[in-house]
Amino acid sequence: FLDMEQVPHRVLLQKISKSYAVIVNSFSEVSPNLVCDAIHYDLPVILTSDNGMTERLQNMVVFTNPFSVDDLVRSIETLLEPEMYQNYKRNILLNSHSHSWDEIAQQFIDIYSQL
C-alpha cells in the first residue's frame, strides 16, 4: 500500500501486518520506528542507507540509496526473489532483539558514571 496520510498507530500496524514488505526510502531515517514495527511482524524491509540503526539491522533489511531510482528497483527486485525474501525473513527471526527497561536504565547509569 502507498499511504500518504497519517493514521493511528494501531491502524498502521494492521496495514503492516498484511503487507509483503515495507519500504522506507526517505532521505534520512534516524529513528526508523516503522522499520521496527515491520520487523515485529517478521516482514522484510527496504530501508534508506542513511539511518540510525545500520549496524543493528545488518542482514535483516535491504539498504538502498534514497537518491537512486536504480538502487530502489534493485532492492525491490531482491525481495521479489522468493529465496532472498525467505532469507531476510529468516534473518529477522534469528536476530530477535530485546531491550528491557533494566538494560536501558543500566545504559543511562553507565553513561552518567562516566561524566
PDB file of N, CA and C in Angstrom:
ATOM      1  N   PHE A   1       0.832  -1.174   0.000  1.00  0.00           N
ATOM      2  CA  PHE A   1       0.000   0.000   0.000  1.00  0.00           C
ATOM      3  C   PHE A   1       0.874   1.233   0.000  1.00  0.00           C
ATOM      4  N   LEU A   2       0.403   2.287  -0.562  1.00  0.00           N
ATOM      5  CA  LEU A   2       1.085   3.571  -0.517  1.00  0.00           C
ATOM      6  C   LEU A   2       0.157   4.496   0.230  1.00  0.00           C
ATOM      7  N   ASP A   3       0.594   4.933   1.383  1.00  0.00           N
ATOM      8  CA  ASP A   3      -0.268   5.733   2.242  1.00  0.00           C
ATOM      9  C   ASP A   3       0.413   7.057   2.531  1.00  0.00           C
ATOM     10  N   MET A   4      -0.224   8.134   2.155  1.00  0.00           N
ATOM     11  CA  MET A   4       0.344   9.455   2.359  1.00  0.00           C
ATOM     12  C   MET A   4      -0.311  10.174   3.538  1.00  0.00           C
ATOM     13  N   GLU A   5      -1.281   9.547   4.179  1.00  0.00           N
ATOM     14  CA  GLU A   5      -1.975  10.172   5.301  1.00  0.00           C
ATOM     15  C   GLU A   5      -1.439   9.647   6.631  1.00  0.00           C
ATOM     16  N   GLN A   6      -1.586  10.464   7.655  1.00  0.00           N
ATOM     17  CA  GLN A   6      -1.295   9.985   8.992  1.00  0.00           C
ATOM     18  C   GLN A   6      -2.470   9.139   9.458  1.00  0.00           C
ATOM     19  N   VAL A   7      -2.147   8.028  10.092  1.00  0.00           N
ATOM     20  CA  VAL A   7      -3.179   7.149  10.635  1.00  0.00           C
ATOM     21  C   VAL A   7      -2.778   6.783  12.055  1.00  0.00           C
ATOM     22  N   PRO A   8      -3.727   6.407  12.891  1.00  0.00           N
ATOM     23  CA  PRO A   8      -3.369   5.950  14.234  1.00  0.00           C
ATOM     24  C   PRO A   8      -2.420   4.750  14.147  1.00  0.00           C
ATOM     25  N   HIS A   9      -1.562   4.628  15.135  1.00  0.00           N
ATOM     26  CA  HIS A   9      -0.551   3.571  15.132  1.00  0.00           C
ATOM     27  C   HIS A   9      -1.172   2.187  14.979  1.00  0.00           C
ATOM     28  N   ARG A  10      -2.272   1.927  15.652  1.00  0.00           N
ATOM     29  CA  ARG A  10      -2.914   0.606  15.565  1.00  0.00           C
ATOM     30  C   ARG A  10      -3.361   0.315  14.139  1.00  0.00           C
ATOM     31  N   VAL A  11      -3.823   1.327  13.403  1.00  0.00           N
ATOM     32  CA  VAL A  11      -4.242   1.151  12.013  1.00  0.00           C
ATOM     33  C   VAL A  11      -3.009   0.864  11.148  1.00  0.00           C
ATOM     34  N   LEU A  12      -1.941   1.594  11.412  1.00  0.00           N
ATOM     35  CA  LEU A  12      -0.702   1.371  10.684  1.00  0.00           C
ATOM     36  C   LEU A  12      -0.202  -0.054  10.904  1.00  0.00           C
ATOM     37  N   LEU A  13      -0.252  -0.536  12.142  1.00  0.00           N
ATOM     38  CA  LEU A  13       0.185  -1.901  12.435  1.00  0.00           C
ATOM     39  C   LEU A  13      -0.663  -2.933  11.702  1.00  0.00           C
ATOM     40  N   GLN A  14      -1.958  -2.677  11.594  1.00  0.00           N
ATOM     41  CA  GLN A  14      -2.832  -3.592  10.844  1.00  0.00           C
ATOM     42  C   GLN A  14      -2.413  -3.640   9.373  1.00  0.00           C
ATOM     43  N   LYS A  15      -2.110  -2.479   8.820  1.00  0.00           N
ATOM     44  CA  LYS A  15      -1.687  -2.430   7.420  1.00  0.00           C
ATOM     45  C   LYS A  15      -0.343  -3.133   7.233  1.00  0.00           C
ATOM     46  N   ILE A  16       0.564  -2.897   8.141  1.00  0.00           N
ATOM     47  CA  ILE A  16       1.874  -3.540   8.057  1.00  0.00           C
ATOM     48  C   ILE A  16       1.724  -5.048   8.138  1.00  0.00           C
ATOM     49  N   SER A  17       0.904  -5.515   9.053  1.00  0.00           N
ATOM     50  CA  SER A  17       0.764  -6.963   9.260  1.00  0.00           C
ATOM     51  C   SER A  17       0.234  -7.682   8.021  1.00  0.00           C
ATOM     52  N   LYS A  18      -0.422  -6.959   7.125  1.00  0.00           N
ATOM     53  CA  LYS A  18      -0.978  -7.558   5.909  1.00  0.00           C
ATOM     54  C   LYS A  18      -0.097  -7.308   4.683  1.00  0.00           C
ATOM     55  N   SER A  19       1.063  -6.727   4.900  1.00  0.00           N
ATOM     56  CA  SER A  19       1.942  -6.358   3.786  1.00  0.00           C
ATOM     57  C   SER A  19       2.944  -7.461   3.463  1.00  0.00           C
ATOM     58  N   TYR A  20       3.473  -7.398   2.273  1.00  0.00           N
ATOM     59  CA  TYR A  20       4.522  -8.316   1.830  1.00  0.00           C
ATOM     60  C   TYR A  20       5.872  -7.862   2.363  1.00  0.00           C
ATOM     61  N   ALA A  21       6.077  -6.551   2.345  1.00  0.00           N
ATOM     62  CA  ALA A  21       7.321  -5.943   2.812  1.00  0.00           C
ATOM     63  C   ALA A  21       7.035  -4.466   3.072  1.00  0.00           C
ATOM     64  N   VAL A  22       8.003  -3.793   3.666  1.00  0.00           N
ATOM     65  CA  VAL A  22       7.864  -2.363   3.946  1.00  0.00           C
ATOM     66  C   VAL A  22       9.044  -1.639   3.300  1.00  0.00           C
ATOM     67  N   ILE A  23       8.757  -0.511   2.677  1.00  0.00           N
ATOM     68  CA  ILE A  23       9.806   0.311   2.063  1.00  0.00           C
ATOM     69  C   ILE A  23       9.831   1.656   2.769  1.00  0.00           C
ATOM     70  N   VAL A  24      11.005   2.009   3.289  1.00  0.00           N
ATOM     71  CA  VAL A  24      11.214   3.310   3.918  1.00  0.00           C
ATOM     72  C   VAL A  24      12.393   3.935   3.179  1.00  0.00           C
ATOM     73  N   ASN A  25      12.088   4.719   2.173  1.00  0.00           N
ATOM     74  CA  ASN A  25      13.122   5.249   1.279  1.00  0.00           C
ATOM     75  C   ASN A  25      13.255   6.764   1.423  1.00  0.00           C
ATOM     76  N   SER A  26      13.146   7.235   2.653  1.00  0.00           N
ATOM     77  CA  SER A  26      13.292   8.677   2.892  1.00  0.00           C
ATOM     78  C   SER A  26      14.768   9.065   2.799  1.00  0.00           C
ATOM     79  N   PHE A  27      15.040  10.348   2.700  1.00  0.00           N
ATOM     80  CA  PHE A  27      16.425  10.809   2.587  1.00  0.00           C
ATOM     81  C   PHE A  27      17.237  10.462   3.823  1.00  0.00           C
ATOM     82  N   SER A  28      16.595  10.506   4.977  1.00  0.00           N
ATOM     83  CA  SER A  28      17.267  10.175   6.230  1.00  0.00           C
ATOM     84  C   SER A  28      16.227   9.625   7.189  1.00  0.00           C
ATOM     85  N   GLU A  29      16.580   8.577   7.885  1.00  0.00           N
ATOM     86  CA  GLU A  29      15.650   7.919   8.814  1.00  0.00           C
ATOM     87  C   GLU A  29      16.436   7.596  10.082  1.00  0.00           C
ATOM     88  N   VAL A  30      16.617   8.617  10.934  1.00  0.00           N
ATOM     89  CA  VAL A  30      17.496   8.444  12.096  1.00  0.00           C
ATOM     90  C   VAL A  30      16.877   7.606  13.207  1.00  0.00           C
ATOM     91  N   SER A  31      15.595   7.469  13.223  1.00  0.00           N
ATOM     92  CA  SER A  31      14.928   6.638  14.221  1.00  0.00           C
ATOM     93  C   SER A  31      13.835   5.847  13.519  1.00  0.00           C
ATOM     94  N   PRO A  32      14.211   4.751  12.874  1.00  0.00           N
ATOM     95  CA  PRO A  32      13.265   4.050  11.994  1.00  0.00           C
ATOM     96  C   PRO A  32      12.238   3.195  12.739  1.00  0.00           C
ATOM     97  N   ASN A  33      11.309   3.852  13.422  1.00  0.00           N
ATOM     98  CA  ASN A  33      10.277   3.124  14.171  1.00  0.00           C
ATOM     99  C   ASN A  33       9.410   2.263  13.260  1.00  0.00           C
ATOM    100  N   LEU A  34       9.130   2.746  12.067  1.00  0.00           N
ATOM    101  CA  LEU A  34       8.338   1.967  11.119  1.00  0.00           C
ATOM    102  C   LEU A  34       9.047   0.649  10.793  1.00  0.00           C
ATOM    103  N   VAL A  35      10.353   0.706  10.693  1.00  0.00           N
ATOM    104  CA  VAL A  35      11.141  -0.493  10.435  1.00  0.00           C
ATOM    105  C   VAL A  35      11.014  -1.469  11.603  1.00  0.00           C
ATOM    106  N   CYS A  36      11.091  -0.950  12.804  1.00  0.00           N
ATOM    107  CA  CYS A  36      10.938  -1.799  13.995  1.00  0.00           C
ATOM    108  C   CYS A  36       9.565  -2.454  14.018  1.00  0.00           C
ATOM    109  N   ASP A  37       8.546  -1.711  13.630  1.00  0.00           N
ATOM    110  CA  ASP A  37       7.194  -2.286  13.566  1.00  0.00           C
ATOM    111  C   ASP A  37       7.137  -3.404  12.528  1.00  0.00           C
ATOM    112  N   ALA A  38       7.748  -3.195  11.377  1.00  0.00           N
ATOM    113  CA  ALA A  38       7.743  -4.225  10.329  1.00  0.00           C
ATOM    114  C   ALA A  38       8.492  -5.475  10.794  1.00  0.00           C
ATOM    115  N   ILE A  39       9.622  -5.282  11.440  1.00  0.00           N
ATOM    116  CA  ILE A  39      10.399  -6.418  11.930  1.00  0.00           C
ATOM    117  C   ILE A  39       9.619  -7.181  12.983  1.00  0.00           C
ATOM    118  N   HIS A  40       8.825  -6.473  13.766  1.00  0.00           N
ATOM    119  CA  HIS A  40       7.970  -7.136  14.754  1.00  0.00           C
ATOM    120  C   HIS A  40       7.065  -8.172  14.077  1.00  0.00           C
ATOM    121  N   TYR A  41       6.644  -7.874  12.853  1.00  0.00           N
ATOM    122  CA  TYR A  41       5.793  -8.790  12.089  1.00  0.00           C
ATOM    123  C   TYR A  41       6.614  -9.688  11.156  1.00  0.00           C
ATOM    124  N   ASP A  42       7.921  -9.732  11.369  1.00  0.00           N
ATOM    125  CA  ASP A  42       8.833 -10.564  10.568  1.00  0.00           C
ATOM    126  C   ASP A  42       8.773 -10.224   9.088  1.00  0.00           C
ATOM    127  N   LEU A  43       8.581  -8.948   8.787  1.00  0.00           N
ATOM    128  CA  LEU A  43       8.497  -8.521   7.392  1.00  0.00           C
ATOM    129  C   LEU A  43       9.824  -7.941   6.921  1.00  0.00           C
ATOM    130  N   PRO A  44      10.283  -8.375   5.765  1.00  0.00           N
ATOM    131  CA  PRO A  44      11.467  -7.748   5.189  1.00  0.00           C
ATOM    132  C   PRO A  44      11.222  -6.269   4.912  1.00  0.00           C
ATOM    133  N   VAL A  45      12.315  -5.519   4.954  1.00  0.00           N
ATOM    134  CA  VAL A  45      12.239  -4.068   4.815  1.00  0.00           C
ATOM    135  C   VAL A  45      13.296  -3.593   3.827  1.00  0.00           C
ATOM    136  N   ILE A  46      12.918  -2.620   3.032  1.00  0.00           N
ATOM    137  CA  ILE A  46      13.876  -1.861   2.234  1.00  0.00           C
ATOM    138  C   ILE A  46      14.015  -0.520   2.940  1.00  0.00           C
ATOM    139  N   LEU A  47      15.228  -0.195   3.320  1.00  0.00           N
ATOM    140  CA  LEU A  47      15.465   0.987   4.161  1.00  0.00           C
ATOM    141  C   LEU A  47      16.556   1.859   3.571  1.00  0.00           C
ATOM    142  N   THR A  48      16.369   3.153   3.671  1.00  0.00           N
ATOM    143  CA  THR A  48      17.388   4.092   3.246  1.00  0.00           C
ATOM    144  C   THR A  48      18.709   3.783   3.946  1.00  0.00           C
ATOM    145  N   SER A  49      19.786   3.948   3.228  1.00  0.00           N
ATOM    146  CA  SER A  49      21.097   3.647   3.804  1.00  0.00           C
ATOM    147  C   SER A  49      21.486   4.669   4.866  1.00  0.00           C
ATOM    148  N   ASP A  50      20.844   5.809   4.892  1.00  0.00           N
ATOM    149  CA  ASP A  50      21.114   6.847   5.898  1.00  0.00           C
ATOM    150  C   ASP A  50      20.096   6.700   7.023  1.00  0.00           C
ATOM    151  N   ASN A  51      20.448   5.883   8.021  1.00  0.00           N
ATOM    152  CA  ASN A  51      19.531   5.620   9.123  1.00  0.00           C
ATOM    153  C   ASN A  51      20.324   5.483  10.416  1.00  0.00           C
ATOM    154  N   GLY A  52      19.638   5.415  11.513  1.00  0.00           N
ATOM    155  CA  GLY A  52      20.309   5.353  12.804  1.00  0.00           C
ATOM    156  C   GLY A  52      20.561   3.952  13.326  1.00  0.00           C
ATOM    157  N   MET A  53      20.308   2.935  12.505  1.00  0.00           N
ATOM    158  CA  MET A  53      20.434   1.569  13.015  1.00  0.00           C
ATOM    159  C   MET A  53      21.107   0.618  12.029  1.00  0.00           C
ATOM    160  N   THR A  54      21.952   1.123  11.162  1.00  0.00           N
ATOM    161  CA  THR A  54      22.557   0.296  10.125  1.00  0.00           C
ATOM    162  C   THR A  54      23.238  -0.938  10.710  1.00  0.00           C
ATOM    163  N   GLU A  55      24.062  -0.729  11.715  1.00  0.00           N
ATOM    164  CA  GLU A  55      24.802  -1.846  12.300  1.00  0.00           C
ATOM    165  C   GLU A  55      23.857  -2.894  12.883  1.00  0.00           C
ATOM    166  N   ARG A  56      22.830  -2.462  13.576  1.00  0.00           N
ATOM    167  CA  ARG A  56      21.875  -3.372  14.225  1.00  0.00           C
ATOM    168  C   ARG A  56      21.024  -4.134  13.205  1.00  0.00           C
ATOM    169  N   LEU A  57      20.731  -3.485  12.081  1.00  0.00           N
ATOM    170  CA  LEU A  57      19.827  -4.071  11.095  1.00  0.00           C
ATOM    171  C   LEU A  57      20.537  -4.838   9.975  1.00  0.00           C
ATOM    172  N   GLN A  58      21.856  -4.882  10.042  1.00  0.00           N
ATOM    173  CA  GLN A  58      22.627  -5.584   9.014  1.00  0.00           C
ATOM    174  C   GLN A  58      22.089  -6.991   8.815  1.00  0.00           C
ATOM    175  N   ASN A  59      21.914  -7.411   7.586  1.00  0.00           N
ATOM    176  CA  ASN A  59      21.411  -8.731   7.189  1.00  0.00           C
ATOM    177  C   ASN A  59      19.914  -8.926   7.452  1.00  0.00           C
ATOM    178  N   MET A  60      19.236  -7.930   8.010  1.00  0.00           N
ATOM    179  CA  MET A  60      17.794  -8.053   8.235  1.00  0.00           C
ATOM    180  C   MET A  60      16.993  -7.164   7.294  1.00  0.00           C
ATOM    181  N   VAL A  61      17.631  -6.166   6.718  1.00  0.00           N
ATOM    182  CA  VAL A  61      16.941  -5.266   5.789  1.00  0.00           C
ATOM    183  C   VAL A  61      17.791  -5.093   4.534  1.00  0.00           C
ATOM    184  N   VAL A  62      17.147  -4.669   3.460  1.00  0.00           N
ATOM    185  CA  VAL A  62      17.847  -4.329   2.230  1.00  0.00           C
ATOM    186  C   VAL A  62      18.072  -2.819   2.268  1.00  0.00           C
ATOM    187  N   PHE A  63      19.325  -2.414   2.285  1.00  0.00           N
ATOM    188  CA  PHE A  63      19.632  -0.982   2.315  1.00  0.00           C
ATOM    189  C   PHE A  63      19.647  -0.440   0.893  1.00  0.00           C
ATOM    190  N   THR A  64      19.136   0.780   0.755  1.00  0.00           N
ATOM    191  CA  THR A  64      19.064   1.395  -0.565  1.00  0.00           C
ATOM    192  C   THR A  64      19.476   2.859  -0.494  1.00  0.00           C
ATOM    193  N   ASN A  65      19.994   3.342  -1.592  1.00  0.00           N
ATOM    194  CA  ASN A  65      20.359   4.750  -1.716  1.00  0.00           C
ATOM    195  C   ASN A  65      19.092   5.525  -2.075  1.00  0.00           C
ATOM    196  N   PRO A  66      18.643   6.430  -1.213  1.00  0.00           N
ATOM    197  CA  PRO A  66      17.376   7.123  -1.482  1.00  0.00           C
ATOM    198  C   PRO A  66      17.437   8.069  -2.682  1.00  0.00           C
ATOM    199  N   PHE A  67      18.629   8.324  -3.181  1.00  0.00           N
ATOM    200  CA  PHE A  67      18.772   9.229  -4.322  1.00  0.00           C
ATOM    201  C   PHE A  67      18.895   8.475  -5.646  1.00  0.00           C
ATOM    202  N   SER A  68      18.772   7.143  -5.604  1.00  0.00           N
ATOM    203  CA  SER A  68      18.962   6.345  -6.805  1.00  0.00           C
ATOM    204  C   SER A  68      17.732   5.483  -7.084  1.00  0.00           C
ATOM    205  N   VAL A  69      17.048   5.802  -8.165  1.00  0.00           N
ATOM    206  CA  VAL A  69      15.895   5.005  -8.570  1.00  0.00           C
ATOM    207  C   VAL A  69      16.348   3.590  -8.919  1.00  0.00           C
ATOM    208  N   ASP A  70      17.487   3.474  -9.597  1.00  0.00           N
ATOM    209  CA  ASP A  70      18.004   2.151  -9.969  1.00  0.00           C
ATOM    210  C   ASP A  70      18.271   1.293  -8.743  1.00  0.00           C
ATOM    211  N   ASP A  71      18.800   1.897  -7.686  1.00  0.00           N
ATOM    212  CA  ASP A  71      19.079   1.152  -6.465  1.00  0.00           C
ATOM    213  C   ASP A  71      17.778   0.695  -5.799  1.00  0.00           C
ATOM    214  N   LEU A  72      16.769   1.543  -5.821  1.00  0.00           N
ATOM    215  CA  LEU A  72      15.474   1.153  -5.256  1.00  0.00           C
ATOM    216  C   LEU A  72      14.869   0.001  -6.059  1.00  0.00           C
ATOM    217  N   VAL A  73      14.947   0.075  -7.372  1.00  0.00           N
ATOM    218  CA  VAL A  73      14.439  -1.004  -8.221  1.00  0.00           C
ATOM    219  C   VAL A  73      15.184  -2.302  -7.908  1.00  0.00           C
ATOM    220  N   ARG A  74      16.514  -2.234  -7.779  1.00  0.00           N
ATOM    221  CA  ARG A  74      17.311  -3.413  -7.442  1.00  0.00           C
ATOM    222  C   ARG A  74      16.871  -3.991  -6.104  1.00  0.00           C
ATOM    223  N   SER A  75      16.608  -3.126  -5.127  1.00  0.00           N
ATOM    224  CA  SER A  75      16.181  -3.578  -3.803  1.00  0.00           C
ATOM    225  C   SER A  75      14.825  -4.281  -3.857  1.00  0.00           C
ATOM    226  N   ILE A  76      13.906  -3.714  -4.606  1.00  0.00           N
ATOM    227  CA  ILE A  76      12.577  -4.330  -4.756  1.00  0.00           C
ATOM    228  C   ILE A  76      12.711  -5.677  -5.466  1.00  0.00           C
ATOM    229  N   GLU A  77      13.513  -5.721  -6.528  1.00  0.00           N
ATOM    230  CA  GLU A  77      13.714  -6.979  -7.243  1.00  0.00           C
ATOM    231  C   GLU A  77      14.336  -8.040  -6.336  1.00  0.00           C
ATOM    232  N   THR A  78      15.211  -7.613  -5.434  1.00  0.00           N
ATOM    233  CA  THR A  78      15.825  -8.543  -4.487  1.00  0.00           C
ATOM    234  C   THR A  78      14.759  -9.223  -3.645  1.00  0.00           C
ATOM    235  N   LEU A  79      13.822  -8.432  -3.104  1.00  0.00           N
ATOM    236  CA  LEU A  79      12.786  -9.013  -2.244  1.00  0.00           C
ATOM    237  C   LEU A  79      11.709  -9.757  -3.027  1.00  0.00           C
ATOM    238  N   LEU A  80      11.660  -9.551  -4.328  1.00  0.00           N
ATOM    239  CA  LEU A  80      10.702 -10.303  -5.142  1.00  0.00           C
ATOM    240  C   LEU A  80      11.207 -11.707  -5.468  1.00  0.00           C
ATOM    241  N   GLU A  81      12.496 -11.938  -5.248  1.00  0.00           N
ATOM    242  CA  GLU A  81      13.043 -13.283  -5.424  1.00  0.00           C
ATOM    243  C   GLU A  81      12.670 -14.097  -4.183  1.00  0.00           C
ATOM    244  N   PRO A  82      11.893 -15.174  -4.342  1.00  0.00           N
ATOM    245  CA  PRO A  82      11.418 -15.933  -3.178  1.00  0.00           C
ATOM    246  C   PRO A  82      12.518 -16.374  -2.224  1.00  0.00           C
ATOM    247  N   GLU A  83      13.640 -16.816  -2.757  1.00  0.00           N
ATOM    248  CA  GLU A  83      14.731 -17.274  -1.881  1.00  0.00           C
ATOM    249  C   GLU A  83      15.301 -16.126  -1.053  1.00  0.00           C
ATOM    250  N   MET A  84      15.493 -14.985  -1.686  1.00  0.00           N
ATOM    251  CA  MET A  84      16.024 -13.824  -0.958  1.00  0.00           C
ATOM    252  C   MET A  84      15.017 -13.336   0.088  1.00  0.00           C
ATOM    253  N   TYR A  85      13.747 -13.303  -0.299  1.00  0.00           N
ATOM    254  CA  TYR A  85      12.695 -12.886   0.629  1.00  0.00           C
ATOM    255  C   TYR A  85      12.719 -13.771   1.875  1.00  0.00           C
ATOM    256  N   GLN A  86      12.796 -15.088   1.671  1.00  0.00           N
ATOM    257  CA  GLN A  86      12.834 -16.019   2.803  1.00  0.00           C
ATOM    258  C   GLN A  86      14.112 -15.862   3.624  1.00  0.00           C
ATOM    259  N   ASN A  87      15.227 -15.567   2.962  1.00  0.00           N
ATOM    260  CA  ASN A  87      16.485 -15.333   3.701  1.00  0.00           C
ATOM    261  C   ASN A  87      16.357 -14.142   4.645  1.00  0.00           C
ATOM    262  N   TYR A  88      15.763 -13.069   4.158  1.00  0.00           N
ATOM    263  CA  TYR A  88      15.589 -11.887   5.018  1.00  0.00           C
ATOM    264  C   TYR A  88      14.627 -12.195   6.166  1.00  0.00           C
ATOM    265  N   LYS A  89      13.556 -12.906   5.889  1.00  0.00           N
ATOM    266  CA  LYS A  89      12.619 -13.289   6.955  1.00  0.00           C
ATOM    267  C   LYS A  89      13.327 -14.166   7.999  1.00  0.00           C
ATOM    268  N   ARG A  90      14.134 -15.089   7.534  1.00  0.00           N
ATOM    269  CA  ARG A  90      14.862 -15.982   8.435  1.00  0.00           C
ATOM    270  C   ARG A  90      15.865 -15.171   9.295  1.00  0.00           C
ATOM    271  N   ASN A  91      16.551 -14.236   8.663  1.00  0.00           N
ATOM    272  CA  ASN A  91      17.500 -13.405   9.408  1.00  0.00           C
ATOM    273  C   ASN A  91      16.806 -12.578  10.480  1.00  0.00           C
ATOM    274  N   ILE A  92      15.604 -12.116  10.180  1.00  0.00           N
ATOM    275  CA  ILE A  92      14.839 -11.364  11.181  1.00  0.00           C
ATOM    276  C   ILE A  92      14.535 -12.269  12.369  1.00  0.00           C
ATOM    277  N   LEU A  93      14.078 -13.474  12.086  1.00  0.00           N
ATOM    278  CA  LEU A  93      13.745 -14.409  13.167  1.00  0.00           C
ATOM    279  C   LEU A  93      14.966 -14.789  13.988  1.00  0.00           C
ATOM    280  N   LEU A  94      16.106 -14.938  13.340  1.00  0.00           N
ATOM    281  CA  LEU A  94      17.329 -15.346  14.037  1.00  0.00           C
ATOM    282  C   LEU A  94      17.968 -14.215  14.836  1.00  0.00           C
ATOM    283  N   ASN A  95      17.608 -12.984  14.509  1.00  0.00           N
ATOM    284  CA  ASN A  95      18.228 -11.831  15.150  1.00  0.00           C
ATOM    285  C   ASN A  95      17.267 -11.060  16.030  1.00  0.00           C
ATOM    286  N   SER A  96      16.350 -11.770  16.653  1.00  0.00           N
ATOM    287  CA  SER A  96      15.413 -11.054  17.517  1.00  0.00           C
ATOM    288  C   SER A  96      16.196 -10.342  18.606  1.00  0.00           C
ATOM    289  N   HIS A  97      15.749  -9.178  18.949  1.00  0.00           N
ATOM    290  CA  HIS A  97      16.466  -8.318  19.882  1.00  0.00           C
ATOM    291  C   HIS A  97      15.491  -7.775  20.912  1.00  0.00           C
ATOM    292  N   SER A  98      15.840  -7.938  22.149  1.00  0.00           N
ATOM    293  CA  SER A  98      15.027  -7.307  23.184  1.00  0.00           C
ATOM    294  C   SER A  98      15.892  -6.317  23.924  1.00  0.00           C
ATOM    295  N   HIS A  99      15.294  -5.285  24.360  1.00  0.00           N
ATOM    296  CA  HIS A  99      15.989  -4.217  25.068  1.00  0.00           C
ATOM    297  C   HIS A  99      15.108  -3.846  26.253  1.00  0.00           C
ATOM    298  N   SER A 100      15.353  -4.498  27.370  1.00  0.00           N
ATOM    299  CA  SER A 100      14.480  -4.323  28.529  1.00  0.00           C
ATOM    300  C   SER A 100      14.702  -2.956  29.175  1.00  0.00           C
ATOM    301  N   TRP A 101      13.744  -2.582  30.006  1.00  0.00           N
ATOM    302  CA  TRP A 101      13.872  -1.324  30.737  1.00  0.00           C
ATOM    303  C   TRP A 101      15.085  -1.374  31.657  1.00  0.00           C
ATOM    304  N   ASP A 102      15.386  -2.530  32.222  1.00  0.00           N
ATOM    305  CA  ASP A 102      16.574  -2.666  33.075  1.00  0.00           C
ATOM    306  C   ASP A 102      17.846  -2.406  32.280  1.00  0.00           C
ATOM    307  N   GLU A 103      17.909  -2.925  31.056  1.00  0.00           N
ATOM    308  CA  GLU A 103      19.084  -2.696  30.213  1.00  0.00           C
ATOM    309  C   GLU A 103      19.214  -1.217  29.833  1.00  0.00           C
ATOM    310  N   ILE A 104      18.101  -0.595  29.527  1.00  0.00           N
ATOM    311  CA  ILE A 104      18.123   0.829  29.185  1.00  0.00           C
ATOM    312  C   ILE A 104      18.570   1.643  30.392  1.00  0.00           C
ATOM    313  N   ALA A 105      18.033   1.330  31.567  1.00  0.00           N
ATOM    314  CA  ALA A 105      18.432   2.039  32.786  1.00  0.00           C
ATOM    315  C   ALA A 105      19.922   1.867  33.048  1.00  0.00           C
ATOM    316  N   GLN A 106      20.437   0.654  32.847  1.00  0.00           N
ATOM    317  CA  GLN A 106      21.858   0.406  33.063  1.00  0.00           C
ATOM    318  C   GLN A 106      22.714   1.213  32.095  1.00  0.00           C
ATOM    319  N   GLN A 107      22.251   1.366  30.865  1.00  0.00           N
ATOM    320  CA  GLN A 107      22.989   2.177  29.904  1.00  0.00           C
ATOM    321  C   GLN A 107      23.068   3.634  30.364  1.00  0.00           C
ATOM    322  N   PHE A 108      21.968   4.152  30.898  1.00  0.00           N
ATOM    323  CA  PHE A 108      21.983   5.523  31.427  1.00  0.00           C
ATOM    324  C   PHE A 108      22.936   5.638  32.600  1.00  0.00           C
ATOM    325  N   ILE A 109      22.915   4.665  33.478  1.00  0.00           N
ATOM    326  CA  ILE A 109      23.795   4.655  34.659  1.00  0.00           C
ATOM    327  C   ILE A 109      25.258   4.624  34.200  1.00  0.00           C
ATOM    328  N   ASP A 110      25.561   3.796  33.216  1.00  0.00           N
ATOM    329  CA  ASP A 110      26.928   3.699  32.719  1.00  0.00           C
ATOM    330  C   ASP A 110      27.392   5.026  32.120  1.00  0.00           C
ATOM    331  N   ILE A 111      26.523   5.671  31.351  1.00  0.00           N
ATOM    332  CA  ILE A 111      26.875   6.967  30.769  1.00  0.00           C
ATOM    333  C   ILE A 111      27.057   8.007  31.865  1.00  0.00           C
ATOM    334  N   TYR A 112      26.130   8.040  32.812  1.00  0.00           N
ATOM    335  CA  TYR A 112      26.193   9.014  33.903  1.00  0.00           C
ATOM    336  C   TYR A 112      27.467   8.821  34.727  1.00  0.00           C
ATOM    337  N   SER A 113      27.846   7.595  34.972  1.00  0.00           N
ATOM    338  CA  SER A 113      29.038   7.341  35.793  1.00  0.00           C
ATOM    339  C   SER A 113      30.319   7.767  35.112  1.00  0.00           C
ATOM    340  N   GLN A 114      30.279   7.972  33.807  1.00  0.00           N
ATOM    341  CA  GLN A 114      31.459   8.422  33.080  1.00  0.00           C
ATOM    342  C   GLN A 114      31.578   9.937  33.025  1.00  0.00           C
ATOM    343  N   LEU A 115      30.576  10.633  33.511  1.00  0.00           N
ATOM    344  CA  LEU A 115      30.589  12.113  33.468  1.00  0.00           C
ATOM    345  C   LEU A 115      31.478  12.683  34.550  1.00  0.00           C
TER     346      LEU A 115
END
